[in-house]
Amino acid sequence: QIPIRENDRITGFVDLALERAFHYRVGKASEPIDIPSDLSADEA
């Protein structure tokens, strides 16, 4: 995985094998989201 940061805090991750992004939710399954555009190059 690689982390997704918002305001210098890690709030989710990109699964490199799945090529999908997820946003953390306290005590729940992470919510699928689009891979942030500013992470596309790093993800690749």
PDB file of all heavy atoms in Angstrom:
ATOM      1  N   GLN A   1       0.841  -1.198   0.000  1.00  0.00           N
ATOM      2  CA  GLN A   1       0.000   0.000   0.000  1.00  0.00           C
ATOM      3  C   GLN A   1       0.875   1.246   0.000  1.00  0.00           C
ATOM      4  O   GLN A   1       2.044   1.190   0.383  1.00  0.00           O
ATOM      5  CB  GLN A   1      -0.897   0.010   1.260  1.00  0.00           C
ATOM      6  CG  GLN A   1      -1.758  -1.207   1.439  1.00  0.00           C
ATOM      7  CD  GLN A   1      -2.244  -1.352   2.876  1.00  0.00           C
ATOM      8  OE1 GLN A   1      -1.579  -0.917   3.814  1.00  0.00           O
ATOM      9  NE2 GLN A   1      -3.406  -1.947   3.061  1.00  0.00           N
ATOM     10  N   ILE A   2       0.290   2.361  -0.423  1.00  0.00           N
ATOM     11  CA  ILE A   2       0.880   3.674  -0.195  1.00  0.00           C
ATOM     12  C   ILE A   2      -0.174   4.536   0.490  1.00  0.00           C
ATOM     13  O   ILE A   2      -1.375   4.354   0.277  1.00  0.00           O
ATOM     14  CB  ILE A   2       1.377   4.338  -1.498  1.00  0.00           C
ATOM     15  CG1 ILE A   2       0.223   4.540  -2.485  1.00  0.00           C
ATOM     16  CG2 ILE A   2       2.506   3.537  -2.113  1.00  0.00           C
ATOM     17  CD1 ILE A   2       0.622   5.366  -3.708  1.00  0.00           C
ATOM     18  N   PRO A   3       0.248   5.464   1.342  1.00  0.00           N
ATOM     19  CA  PRO A   3      -0.731   6.232   2.120  1.00  0.00           C
ATOM     20  C   PRO A   3      -1.344   7.388   1.334  1.00  0.00           C
ATOM     21  O   PRO A   3      -0.735   7.929   0.413  1.00  0.00           O
ATOM     22  CB  PRO A   3       0.106   6.760   3.290  1.00  0.00           C
ATOM     23  CG  PRO A   3       1.489   6.867   2.731  1.00  0.00           C
ATOM     24  CD  PRO A   3       1.634   5.755   1.744  1.00  0.00           C
ATOM     25  N   ILE A   4      -2.546   7.746   1.726  1.00  0.00           N
ATOM     26  CA  ILE A   4      -3.209   8.957   1.252  1.00  0.00           C
ATOM     27  C   ILE A   4      -3.172   9.958   2.398  1.00  0.00           C
ATOM     28  O   ILE A   4      -3.595   9.647   3.515  1.00  0.00           O
ATOM     29  CB  ILE A   4      -4.664   8.678   0.834  1.00  0.00           C
ATOM     30  CG1 ILE A   4      -4.700   7.701  -0.349  1.00  0.00           C
ATOM     31  CG2 ILE A   4      -5.381   9.978   0.480  1.00  0.00           C
ATOM     32  CD1 ILE A   4      -6.103   7.252  -0.722  1.00  0.00           C
ATOM     33  N   ARG A   5      -2.664  11.148   2.132  1.00  0.00           N
ATOM     34  CA  ARG A   5      -2.524  12.165   3.169  1.00  0.00           C
ATOM     35  C   ARG A   5      -3.461  13.332   2.916  1.00  0.00           C
ATOM     36  O   ARG A   5      -3.657  13.764   1.779  1.00  0.00           O
ATOM     37  CB  ARG A   5      -1.084  12.677   3.228  1.00  0.00           C
ATOM     38  CG  ARG A   5      -0.061  11.652   3.677  1.00  0.00           C
ATOM     39  CD  ARG A   5       1.342  12.239   3.705  1.00  0.00           C
ATOM     40  NE  ARG A   5       2.345  11.251   4.090  1.00  0.00           N
ATOM     41  CZ  ARG A   5       2.731  11.011   5.329  1.00  0.00           C
ATOM     42  NH1 ARG A   5       2.212  11.717   6.327  1.00  0.00           N
ATOM     43  NH2 ARG A   5       3.634  10.088   5.584  1.00  0.00           N
ATOM     44  N   GLU A   6      -4.010  13.835   4.001  1.00  0.00           N
ATOM     45  CA  GLU A   6      -4.804  15.061   3.974  1.00  0.00           C
ATOM     46  C   GLU A   6      -4.361  15.917   5.148  1.00  0.00           C
ATOM     47  O   GLU A   6      -4.436  15.482   6.301  1.00  0.00           O
ATOM     48  CB  GLU A   6      -6.303  14.760   4.080  1.00  0.00           C
ATOM     49  CG  GLU A   6      -6.871  13.982   2.897  1.00  0.00           C
ATOM     50  CD  GLU A   6      -8.350  13.689   3.059  1.00  0.00           C
ATOM     51  OE1 GLU A   6      -8.965  14.266   3.991  1.00  0.00           O
ATOM     52  OE2 GLU A   6      -8.884  12.883   2.277  1.00  0.00           O
ATOM     53  N   ASN A   7      -3.876  17.109   4.838  1.00  0.00           N
ATOM     54  CA  ASN A   7      -3.400  18.023   5.889  1.00  0.00           C
ATOM     55  C   ASN A   7      -2.351  17.349   6.774  1.00  0.00           C
ATOM     56  O   ASN A   7      -2.389  17.411   8.007  1.00  0.00           O
ATOM     57  CB  ASN A   7      -4.571  18.527   6.744  1.00  0.00           C
ATOM     58  CG  ASN A   7      -5.574  19.304   5.921  1.00  0.00           C
ATOM     59  OD1 ASN A   7      -5.209  20.040   5.000  1.00  0.00           O
ATOM     60  ND2 ASN A   7      -6.859  19.119   6.233  1.00  0.00           N
ATOM     61  N   ASP A   8      -1.426  16.655   6.103  1.00  0.00           N
ATOM     62  CA  ASP A   8      -0.293  16.011   6.754  1.00  0.00           C
ATOM     63  C   ASP A   8      -0.695  14.863   7.666  1.00  0.00           C
ATOM     64  O   ASP A   8       0.076  14.426   8.519  1.00  0.00           O
ATOM     65  CB  ASP A   8       0.539  17.029   7.551  1.00  0.00           C
ATOM     66  CG  ASP A   8       1.975  16.542   7.765  1.00  0.00           C
ATOM     67  OD1 ASP A   8       2.494  15.841   6.867  1.00  0.00           O
ATOM     68  OD2 ASP A   8       2.557  16.838   8.824  1.00  0.00           O
ATOM     69  N   ARG A   9      -1.904  14.346   7.501  1.00  0.00           N
ATOM     70  CA  ARG A   9      -2.348  13.173   8.242  1.00  0.00           C
ATOM     71  C   ARG A   9      -2.740  12.095   7.250  1.00  0.00           C
ATOM     72  O   ARG A   9      -3.311  12.380   6.192  1.00  0.00           O
ATOM     73  CB  ARG A   9      -3.535  13.485   9.159  1.00  0.00           C
ATOM     74  CG  ARG A   9      -3.183  14.417  10.319  1.00  0.00           C
ATOM     75  CD  ARG A   9      -4.403  14.619  11.219  1.00  0.00           C
ATOM     76  NE  ARG A   9      -4.798  13.389  11.886  1.00  0.00           N
ATOM     77  CZ  ARG A   9      -4.268  12.949  13.024  1.00  0.00           C
ATOM     78  NH1 ARG A   9      -3.308  13.648  13.623  1.00  0.00           N
ATOM     79  NH2 ARG A   9      -4.682  11.835  13.575  1.00  0.00           N
ATOM     80  N   ILE A  10      -2.426  10.845   7.589  1.00  0.00           N
ATOM     81  CA  ILE A  10      -2.783   9.725   6.719  1.00  0.00           C
ATOM     82  C   ILE A  10      -4.237   9.354   6.978  1.00  0.00           C
ATOM     83  O   ILE A  10      -4.620   8.997   8.108  1.00  0.00           O
ATOM     84  CB  ILE A  10      -1.850   8.531   6.972  1.00  0.00           C
ATOM     85  CG1 ILE A  10      -0.422   8.900   6.551  1.00  0.00           C
ATOM     86  CG2 ILE A  10      -2.325   7.283   6.220  1.00  0.00           C
ATOM     87  CD1 ILE A  10       0.600   7.825   6.824  1.00  0.00           C
ATOM     88  N   THR A  11      -5.036   9.439   5.945  1.00  0.00           N
ATOM     89  CA  THR A  11      -6.484   9.211   6.068  1.00  0.00           C
ATOM     90  C   THR A  11      -6.967   8.022   5.245  1.00  0.00           C
ATOM     91  O   THR A  11      -8.157   7.697   5.269  1.00  0.00           O
ATOM     92  CB  THR A  11      -7.251  10.461   5.612  1.00  0.00           C
ATOM     93  OG1 THR A  11      -6.891  10.762   4.248  1.00  0.00           O
ATOM     94  CG2 THR A  11      -6.924  11.654   6.507  1.00  0.00           C
ATOM     95  N   GLY A  12      -6.081   7.374   4.510  1.00  0.00           N
ATOM     96  CA  GLY A  12      -6.482   6.236   3.691  1.00  0.00           C
ATOM     97  C   GLY A  12      -5.270   5.646   3.001  1.00  0.00           C
ATOM     98  O   GLY A  12      -4.120   5.964   3.335  1.00  0.00           O
ATOM     99  N   PHE A  13      -5.517   4.790   2.015  1.00  0.00           N
ATOM    100  CA  PHE A  13      -4.411   4.126   1.338  1.00  0.00           C
ATOM    101  C   PHE A  13      -4.818   3.718  -0.070  1.00  0.00           C
ATOM    102  O   PHE A  13      -6.014   3.622  -0.396  1.00  0.00           O
ATOM    103  CB  PHE A  13      -3.966   2.885   2.114  1.00  0.00           C
ATOM    104  CG  PHE A  13      -5.004   1.787   2.182  1.00  0.00           C
ATOM    105  CD1 PHE A  13      -5.006   0.747   1.254  1.00  0.00           C
ATOM    106  CD2 PHE A  13      -5.984   1.794   3.163  1.00  0.00           C
ATOM    107  CE1 PHE A  13      -5.958  -0.256   1.308  1.00  0.00           C
ATOM    108  CE2 PHE A  13      -6.937   0.794   3.228  1.00  0.00           C
ATOM    109  CZ  PHE A  13      -6.934  -0.237   2.297  1.00  0.00           C
ATOM    110  N   VAL A  14      -3.811   3.489  -0.879  1.00  0.00           N
ATOM    111  CA  VAL A  14      -4.002   2.908  -2.203  1.00  0.00           C
ATOM    112  C   VAL A  14      -3.452   1.492  -2.167  1.00  0.00           C
ATOM    113  O   VAL A  14      -2.295   1.277  -1.794  1.00  0.00           O
ATOM    114  CB  VAL A  14      -3.284   3.724  -3.296  1.00  0.00           C
ATOM    115  CG1 VAL A  14      -3.454   3.056  -4.660  1.00  0.00           C
ATOM    116  CG2 VAL A  14      -3.806   5.150  -3.334  1.00  0.00           C
ATOM    117  N   ASP A  15      -4.292   0.517  -2.523  1.00  0.00           N
ATOM    118  CA  ASP A  15      -3.862  -0.875  -2.603  1.00  0.00           C
ATOM    119  C   ASP A  15      -3.167  -1.078  -3.940  1.00  0.00           C
ATOM    120  O   ASP A  15      -3.787  -0.979  -5.003  1.00  0.00           O
ATOM    121  CB  ASP A  15      -5.071  -1.807  -2.470  1.00  0.00           C
ATOM    122  CG  ASP A  15      -4.666  -3.263  -2.339  1.00  0.00           C
ATOM    123  OD1 ASP A  15      -3.900  -3.746  -3.194  1.00  0.00           O
ATOM    124  OD2 ASP A  15      -5.121  -3.923  -1.389  1.00  0.00           O
ATOM    125  N   LEU A  16      -1.869  -1.358  -3.916  1.00  0.00           N
ATOM    126  CA  LEU A  16      -1.083  -1.415  -5.145  1.00  0.00           C
ATOM    127  C   LEU A  16      -1.412  -2.635  -5.996  1.00  0.00           C
ATOM    128  O   LEU A  16      -1.279  -2.582  -7.223  1.00  0.00           O
ATOM    129  CB  LEU A  16       0.409  -1.414  -4.803  1.00  0.00           C
ATOM    130  CG  LEU A  16       0.922  -0.153  -4.096  1.00  0.00           C
ATOM    131  CD1 LEU A  16       2.386  -0.321  -3.705  1.00  0.00           C
ATOM    132  CD2 LEU A  16       0.747   1.072  -4.987  1.00  0.00           C
ATOM    133  N   ALA A  17      -1.819  -3.722  -5.371  1.00  0.00           N
ATOM    134  CA  ALA A  17      -2.181  -4.906  -6.150  1.00  0.00           C
ATOM    135  C   ALA A  17      -3.555  -4.738  -6.792  1.00  0.00           C
ATOM    136  O   ALA A  17      -3.774  -5.121  -7.943  1.00  0.00           O
ATOM    137  CB  ALA A  17      -2.146  -6.145  -5.276  1.00  0.00           C
ATOM    138  N   LEU A  18      -4.484  -4.142  -6.050  1.00  0.00           N
ATOM    139  CA  LEU A  18      -5.840  -3.926  -6.565  1.00  0.00           C
ATOM    140  C   LEU A  18      -5.951  -2.695  -7.458  1.00  0.00           C
ATOM    141  O   LEU A  18      -6.891  -2.582  -8.245  1.00  0.00           O
ATOM    142  CB  LEU A  18      -6.821  -3.757  -5.396  1.00  0.00           C
ATOM    143  CG  LEU A  18      -7.355  -5.009  -4.716  1.00  0.00           C
ATOM    144  CD1 LEU A  18      -8.205  -4.616  -3.509  1.00  0.00           C
ATOM    145  CD2 LEU A  18      -8.179  -5.844  -5.683  1.00  0.00           C
ATOM    146  N   GLU A  19      -5.032  -1.765  -7.277  1.00  0.00           N
ATOM    147  CA  GLU A  19      -5.118  -0.461  -7.946  1.00  0.00           C
ATOM    148  C   GLU A  19      -6.412   0.263  -7.577  1.00  0.00           C
ATOM    149  O   GLU A  19      -7.090   0.845  -8.419  1.00  0.00           O
ATOM    150  CB  GLU A  19      -5.017  -0.617  -9.464  1.00  0.00           C
ATOM    151  CG  GLU A  19      -3.676  -1.109  -9.954  1.00  0.00           C
ATOM    152  CD  GLU A  19      -3.587  -1.143 -11.465  1.00  0.00           C
ATOM    153  OE1 GLU A  19      -4.194  -2.051 -12.061  1.00  0.00           O
ATOM    154  OE2 GLU A  19      -2.907  -0.257 -12.049  1.00  0.00           O
ATOM    155  N   ARG A  20      -6.712   0.232  -6.274  1.00  0.00           N
ATOM    156  CA  ARG A  20      -7.902   0.908  -5.766  1.00  0.00           C
ATOM    157  C   ARG A  20      -7.532   1.673  -4.509  1.00  0.00           C
ATOM    158  O   ARG A  20      -6.604   1.288  -3.781  1.00  0.00           O
ATOM    159  CB  ARG A  20      -9.021  -0.098  -5.460  1.00  0.00           C
ATOM    160  CG  ARG A  20      -9.524  -0.848  -6.689  1.00  0.00           C
ATOM    161  CD  ARG A  20     -10.562  -1.885  -6.307  1.00  0.00           C
ATOM    162  NE  ARG A  20     -11.729  -1.270  -5.668  1.00  0.00           N
ATOM    163  CZ  ARG A  20     -12.728  -1.977  -5.122  1.00  0.00           C
ATOM    164  NH1 ARG A  20     -12.667  -3.299  -5.112  1.00  0.00           N
ATOM    165  NH2 ARG A  20     -13.769  -1.365  -4.587  1.00  0.00           N
ATOM    166  N   ALA A  21      -8.284   2.765  -4.285  1.00  0.00           N
ATOM    167  CA  ALA A  21      -8.017   3.609  -3.119  1.00  0.00           C
ATOM    168  C   ALA A  21      -9.145   3.467  -2.104  1.00  0.00           C
ATOM    169  O   ALA A  21     -10.304   3.180  -2.468  1.00  0.00           O
ATOM    170  CB  ALA A  21      -7.865   5.068  -3.544  1.00  0.00           C
ATOM    171  N   PHE A  22      -8.796   3.686  -0.825  1.00  0.00           N
ATOM    172  CA  PHE A  22      -9.769   3.537   0.253  1.00  0.00           C
ATOM    173  C   PHE A  22      -9.550   4.640   1.281  1.00  0.00           C
ATOM    174  O   PHE A  22      -8.417   5.048   1.545  1.00  0.00           O
ATOM    175  CB  PHE A  22      -9.628   2.176   0.935  1.00  0.00           C
ATOM    176  CG  PHE A  22      -9.880   1.005   0.028  1.00  0.00           C
ATOM    177  CD1 PHE A  22      -8.848   0.480  -0.743  1.00  0.00           C
ATOM    178  CD2 PHE A  22     -11.141   0.454  -0.068  1.00  0.00           C
ATOM    179  CE1 PHE A  22      -9.078  -0.592  -1.578  1.00  0.00           C
ATOM    180  CE2 PHE A  22     -11.381  -0.631  -0.907  1.00  0.00           C
ATOM    181  CZ  PHE A  22     -10.348  -1.148  -1.667  1.00  0.00           C
ATOM    182  N   HIS A  23     -10.659   5.079   1.860  1.00  0.00           N
ATOM    183  CA  HIS A  23     -10.628   6.099   2.908  1.00  0.00           C
ATOM    184  C   HIS A  23     -10.984   5.435   4.230  1.00  0.00           C
ATOM    185  O   HIS A  23     -11.966   4.688   4.328  1.00  0.00           O
ATOM    186  CB  HIS A  23     -11.634   7.218   2.602  1.00  0.00           C
ATOM    187  CG  HIS A  23     -11.550   8.376   3.546  1.00  0.00           C
ATOM    188  ND1 HIS A  23     -12.247   8.421   4.742  1.00  0.00           N
ATOM    189  CD2 HIS A  23     -10.839   9.542   3.481  1.00  0.00           C
ATOM    190  CE1 HIS A  23     -11.976   9.556   5.364  1.00  0.00           C
ATOM    191  NE2 HIS A  23     -11.125  10.251   4.620  1.00  0.00           N
ATOM    192  N   TYR A  24     -10.180   5.692   5.262  1.00  0.00           N
ATOM    193  CA  TYR A  24     -10.408   5.068   6.560  1.00  0.00           C
ATOM    194  C   TYR A  24     -11.698   5.573   7.192  1.00  0.00           C
ATOM    195  O   TYR A  24     -12.065   6.756   7.066  1.00  0.00           O
ATOM    196  CB  TYR A  24      -9.254   5.373   7.522  1.00  0.00           C
ATOM    197  CG  TYR A  24      -7.950   4.691   7.192  1.00  0.00           C
ATOM    198  CD1 TYR A  24      -6.741   5.394   7.263  1.00  0.00           C
ATOM    199  CD2 TYR A  24      -7.901   3.347   6.863  1.00  0.00           C
ATOM    200  CE1 TYR A  24      -5.534   4.769   6.994  1.00  0.00           C
ATOM    201  CE2 TYR A  24      -6.694   2.717   6.589  1.00  0.00           C
ATOM    202  CZ  TYR A  24      -5.519   3.436   6.640  1.00  0.00           C
ATOM    203  OH  TYR A  24      -4.325   2.819   6.380  1.00  0.00           O
ATOM    204  N   ARG A  25     -12.361   4.649   7.925  1.00  0.00           N
ATOM    205  CA  ARG A  25     -13.509   5.005   8.757  1.00  0.00           C
ATOM    206  C   ARG A  25     -13.329   4.318  10.105  1.00  0.00           C
ATOM    207  O   ARG A  25     -13.046   3.118  10.151  1.00  0.00           O
ATOM    208  CB  ARG A  25     -14.825   4.573   8.107  1.00  0.00           C
ATOM    209  CG  ARG A  25     -15.118   5.271   6.793  1.00  0.00           C
ATOM    210  CD  ARG A  25     -16.525   4.980   6.300  1.00  0.00           C
ATOM    211  NE  ARG A  25     -16.721   3.551   6.038  1.00  0.00           N
ATOM    212  CZ  ARG A  25     -17.908   3.020   5.715  1.00  0.00           C
ATOM    213  NH1 ARG A  25     -18.990   3.791   5.636  1.00  0.00           N
ATOM    214  NH2 ARG A  25     -18.009   1.726   5.482  1.00  0.00           N
ATOM    215  N   VAL A  26     -13.497   5.057  11.180  1.00  0.00           N
ATOM    216  CA  VAL A  26     -13.242   4.524  12.514  1.00  0.00           C
ATOM    217  C   VAL A  26     -14.163   3.340  12.798  1.00  0.00           C
ATOM    218  O   VAL A  26     -15.387   3.453  12.721  1.00  0.00           O
ATOM    219  CB  VAL A  26     -13.431   5.610  13.594  1.00  0.00           C
ATOM    220  CG1 VAL A  26     -13.262   5.008  14.995  1.00  0.00           C
ATOM    221  CG2 VAL A  26     -12.453   6.742  13.383  1.00  0.00           C
ATOM    222  N   GLY A  27     -13.552   2.187  13.106  1.00  0.00           N
ATOM    223  CA  GLY A  27     -14.307   1.007  13.490  1.00  0.00           C
ATOM    224  C   GLY A  27     -15.100   0.361  12.385  1.00  0.00           C
ATOM    225  O   GLY A  27     -15.892  -0.555  12.641  1.00  0.00           O
ATOM    226  N   LYS A  28     -14.928   0.810  11.146  1.00  0.00           N
ATOM    227  CA  LYS A  28     -15.702   0.264  10.029  1.00  0.00           C
ATOM    228  C   LYS A  28     -14.768  -0.075   8.876  1.00  0.00           C
ATOM    229  O   LYS A  28     -13.599   0.303   8.863  1.00  0.00           O
ATOM    230  CB  LYS A  28     -16.745   1.275   9.552  1.00  0.00           C
ATOM    231  CG  LYS A  28     -17.777   1.669  10.603  1.00  0.00           C
ATOM    232  CD  LYS A  28     -18.748   2.693  10.025  1.00  0.00           C
ATOM    233  CE  LYS A  28     -19.771   3.120  11.059  1.00  0.00           C
ATOM    234  NZ  LYS A  28     -20.702   4.145  10.503  1.00  0.00           N
ATOM    235  N   ALA A  29     -15.343  -0.782   7.899  1.00  0.00           N
ATOM    236  CA  ALA A  29     -14.575  -1.068   6.695  1.00  0.00           C
ATOM    237  C   ALA A  29     -14.242   0.231   5.981  1.00  0.00           C
ATOM    238  O   ALA A  29     -15.035   1.188   5.981  1.00  0.00           O
ATOM    239  CB  ALA A  29     -15.371  -1.992   5.780  1.00  0.00           C
ATOM    240  N   SER A  30     -13.059   0.288   5.366  1.00  0.00           N
ATOM    241  CA  SER A  30     -12.660   1.489   4.635  1.00  0.00           C
ATOM    242  C   SER A  30     -13.576   1.707   3.433  1.00  0.00           C
ATOM    243  O   SER A  30     -14.064   0.763   2.808  1.00  0.00           O
ATOM    244  CB  SER A  30     -11.208   1.364   4.170  1.00  0.00           C
ATOM    245  OG  SER A  30     -10.342   1.226   5.279  1.00  0.00           O
ATOM    246  N   GLU A  31     -13.772   2.954   3.113  1.00  0.00           N
ATOM    247  CA  GLU A  31     -14.680   3.317   2.019  1.00  0.00           C
ATOM    248  C   GLU A  31     -13.900   3.465   0.708  1.00  0.00           C
ATOM    249  O   GLU A  31     -12.907   4.200   0.658  1.00  0.00           O
ATOM    250  CB  GLU A  31     -15.366   4.638   2.356  1.00  0.00           C
ATOM    251  CG  GLU A  31     -16.327   5.122   1.285  1.00  0.00           C
ATOM    252  CD  GLU A  31     -16.920   6.472   1.628  1.00  0.00           C
ATOM    253  OE1 GLU A  31     -16.398   7.126   2.555  1.00  0.00           O
ATOM    254  OE2 GLU A  31     -17.888   6.864   0.965  1.00  0.00           O
ATOM    255  N   PRO A  32     -14.326   2.760  -0.370  1.00  0.00           N
ATOM    256  CA  PRO A  32     -13.639   2.906  -1.663  1.00  0.00           C
ATOM    257  C   PRO A  32     -13.779   4.325  -2.203  1.00  0.00           C
ATOM    258  O   PRO A  32     -14.857   4.928  -2.134  1.00  0.00           O
ATOM    259  CB  PRO A  32     -14.350   1.893  -2.564  1.00  0.00           C
ATOM    260  CG  PRO A  32     -15.027   0.938  -1.631  1.00  0.00           C
ATOM    261  CD  PRO A  32     -15.397   1.742  -0.422  1.00  0.00           C
ATOM    262  N   ILE A  33     -12.681   4.872  -2.717  1.00  0.00           N
ATOM    263  CA  ILE A  33     -12.686   6.193  -3.336  1.00  0.00           C
ATOM    264  C   ILE A  33     -11.817   6.143  -4.586  1.00  0.00           C
ATOM    265  O   ILE A  33     -11.111   5.154  -4.832  1.00  0.00           O
ATOM    266  CB  ILE A  33     -12.141   7.282  -2.369  1.00  0.00           C
ATOM    267  CG1 ILE A  33     -10.698   6.935  -1.951  1.00  0.00           C
ATOM    268  CG2 ILE A  33     -13.036   7.432  -1.145  1.00  0.00           C
ATOM    269  CD1 ILE A  33     -10.018   8.026  -1.135  1.00  0.00           C
ATOM    270  N   ASP A  34     -11.876   7.187  -5.370  1.00  0.00           N
ATOM    271  CA  ASP A  34     -10.997   7.277  -6.533  1.00  0.00           C
ATOM    272  C   ASP A  34      -9.566   7.565  -6.068  1.00  0.00           C
ATOM    273  O   ASP A  34      -9.354   8.245  -5.062  1.00  0.00           O
ATOM    274  CB  ASP A  34     -11.456   8.398  -7.464  1.00  0.00           C
ATOM    275  CG  ASP A  34     -12.801   8.096  -8.110  1.00  0.00           C
ATOM    276  OD1 ASP A  34     -13.110   6.894  -8.274  1.00  0.00           O
ATOM    277  OD2 ASP A  34     -13.531   9.052  -8.424  1.00  0.00           O
ATOM    278  N   ILE A  35      -8.619   7.047  -6.825  1.00  0.00           N
ATOM    279  CA  ILE A  35      -7.221   7.348  -6.515  1.00  0.00           C
ATOM    280  C   ILE A  35      -6.989   8.844  -6.731  1.00  0.00           C
ATOM    281  O   ILE A  35      -7.276   9.368  -7.811  1.00  0.00           O
ATOM    282  CB  ILE A  35      -6.271   6.534  -7.409  1.00  0.00           C
ATOM    283  CG1 ILE A  35      -6.439   5.035  -7.132  1.00  0.00           C
ATOM    284  CG2 ILE A  35      -4.818   6.950  -7.169  1.00  0.00           C
ATOM    285  CD1 ILE A  35      -5.602   4.149  -8.021  1.00  0.00           C
ATOM    286  N   PRO A  36      -6.541   9.555  -5.689  1.00  0.00           N
ATOM    287  CA  PRO A  36      -6.310  11.000  -5.855  1.00  0.00           C
ATOM    288  C   PRO A  36      -5.373  11.272  -7.029  1.00  0.00           C
ATOM    289  O   PRO A  36      -4.379  10.566  -7.233  1.00  0.00           O
ATOM    290  CB  PRO A  36      -5.670  11.407  -4.520  1.00  0.00           C
ATOM    291  CG  PRO A  36      -6.160  10.379  -3.542  1.00  0.00           C
ATOM    292  CD  PRO A  36      -6.236   9.107  -4.317  1.00  0.00           C
ATOM    293  N   SER A  37      -5.709  12.297  -7.794  1.00  0.00           N
ATOM    294  CA  SER A  37      -4.939  12.599  -9.006  1.00  0.00           C
ATOM    295  C   SER A  37      -3.475  12.903  -8.698  1.00  0.00           C
ATOM    296  O   SER A  37      -2.588  12.558  -9.482  1.00  0.00           O
ATOM    297  CB  SER A  37      -5.571  13.788  -9.739  1.00  0.00           C
ATOM    298  OG  SER A  37      -5.645  14.920  -8.876  1.00  0.00           O
ATOM    299  N   ASP A  38      -3.223  13.518  -7.535  1.00  0.00           N
ATOM    300  CA  ASP A  38      -1.833  13.857  -7.220  1.00  0.00           C
ATOM    301  C   ASP A  38      -1.008  12.643  -6.795  1.00  0.00           C
ATOM    302  O   ASP A  38       0.202  12.749  -6.594  1.00  0.00           O
ATOM    303  CB  ASP A  38      -1.782  14.930  -6.131  1.00  0.00           C
ATOM    304  CG  ASP A  38      -2.455  14.481  -4.836  1.00  0.00           C
ATOM    305  OD1 ASP A  38      -3.215  13.493  -4.868  1.00  0.00           O
ATOM    306  OD2 ASP A  38      -2.218  15.112  -3.787  1.00  0.00           O
ATOM    307  N   LEU A  39      -1.673  11.457  -6.647  1.00  0.00           N
ATOM    308  CA  LEU A  39      -0.961  10.234  -6.294  1.00  0.00           C
ATOM    309  C   LEU A  39      -0.791   9.291  -7.478  1.00  0.00           C
ATOM    310  O   LEU A  39      -0.169   8.235  -7.336  1.00  0.00           O
ATOM    311  CB  LEU A  39      -1.705   9.486  -5.178  1.00  0.00           C
ATOM    312  CG  LEU A  39      -1.494   9.962  -3.733  1.00  0.00           C
ATOM    313  CD1 LEU A  39      -2.292   9.079  -2.778  1.00  0.00           C
ATOM    314  CD2 LEU A  39      -0.024   9.936  -3.363  1.00  0.00           C
ATOM    315  N   SER A  40      -1.331   9.638  -8.619  1.00  0.00           N
ATOM    316  CA  SER A  40      -1.315   8.720  -9.763  1.00  0.00           C
ATOM    317  C   SER A  40       0.104   8.314 -10.138  1.00  0.00           C
ATOM    318  O   SER A  40       0.395   7.129 -10.360  1.00  0.00           O
ATOM    319  CB  SER A  40      -2.015   9.366 -10.968  1.00  0.00           C
ATOM    320  OG  SER A  40      -3.383   9.577 -10.683  1.00  0.00           O
ATOM    321  N   ALA A  41       0.998   9.286 -10.227  1.00  0.00           N
ATOM    322  CA  ALA A  41       2.370   8.971 -10.627  1.00  0.00           C
ATOM    323  C   ALA A  41       3.063   8.119  -9.563  1.00  0.00           C
ATOM    324  O   ALA A  41       3.754   7.136  -9.891  1.00  0.00           O
ATOM    325  CB  ALA A  41       3.156  10.260 -10.858  1.00  0.00           C
ATOM    326  N   ASP A  42       2.881   8.473  -8.283  1.00  0.00           N
ATOM    327  CA  ASP A  42       3.481   7.685  -7.211  1.00  0.00           C
ATOM    328  C   ASP A  42       2.916   6.267  -7.193  1.00  0.00           C
ATOM    329  O   ASP A  42       3.660   5.292  -6.999  1.00  0.00           O
ATOM    330  CB  ASP A  42       3.226   8.348  -5.855  1.00  0.00           C
ATOM    331  CG  ASP A  42       4.050   9.612  -5.666  1.00  0.00           C
ATOM    332  OD1 ASP A  42       5.020   9.803  -6.421  1.00  0.00           O
ATOM    333  OD2 ASP A  42       3.716  10.400  -4.751  1.00  0.00           O
ATOM    334  N   GLU A  43       1.603   6.159  -7.404  1.00  0.00           N
ATOM    335  CA  GLU A  43       0.968   4.835  -7.405  1.00  0.00           C
ATOM    336  C   GLU A  43       1.537   3.972  -8.512  1.00  0.00           C
ATOM    337  O   GLU A  43       1.850   2.788  -8.305  1.00  0.00           O
ATOM    338  CB  GLU A  43      -0.541   4.997  -7.561  1.00  0.00           C
ATOM    339  CG  GLU A  43      -1.325   3.702  -7.409  1.00  0.00           C
ATOM    340  CD  GLU A  43      -1.452   2.910  -8.715  1.00  0.00           C
ATOM    341  OE1 GLU A  43      -1.340   3.539  -9.789  1.00  0.00           O
ATOM    342  OE2 GLU A  43      -1.645   1.680  -8.655  1.00  0.00           O
ATOM    343  N   ALA A  44       1.700   4.541  -9.707  1.00  0.00           N
ATOM    344  CA  ALA A  44       2.228   3.778 -10.838  1.00  0.00           C
ATOM    345  C   ALA A  44       3.672   3.335 -10.568  1.00  0.00           C
ATOM    346  O   ALA A  44       4.044   2.185 -10.853  1.00  0.00           O
ATOM    347  CB  ALA A  44       2.158   4.626 -12.110  1.00  0.00           C
TER     348      ALA A  44
END
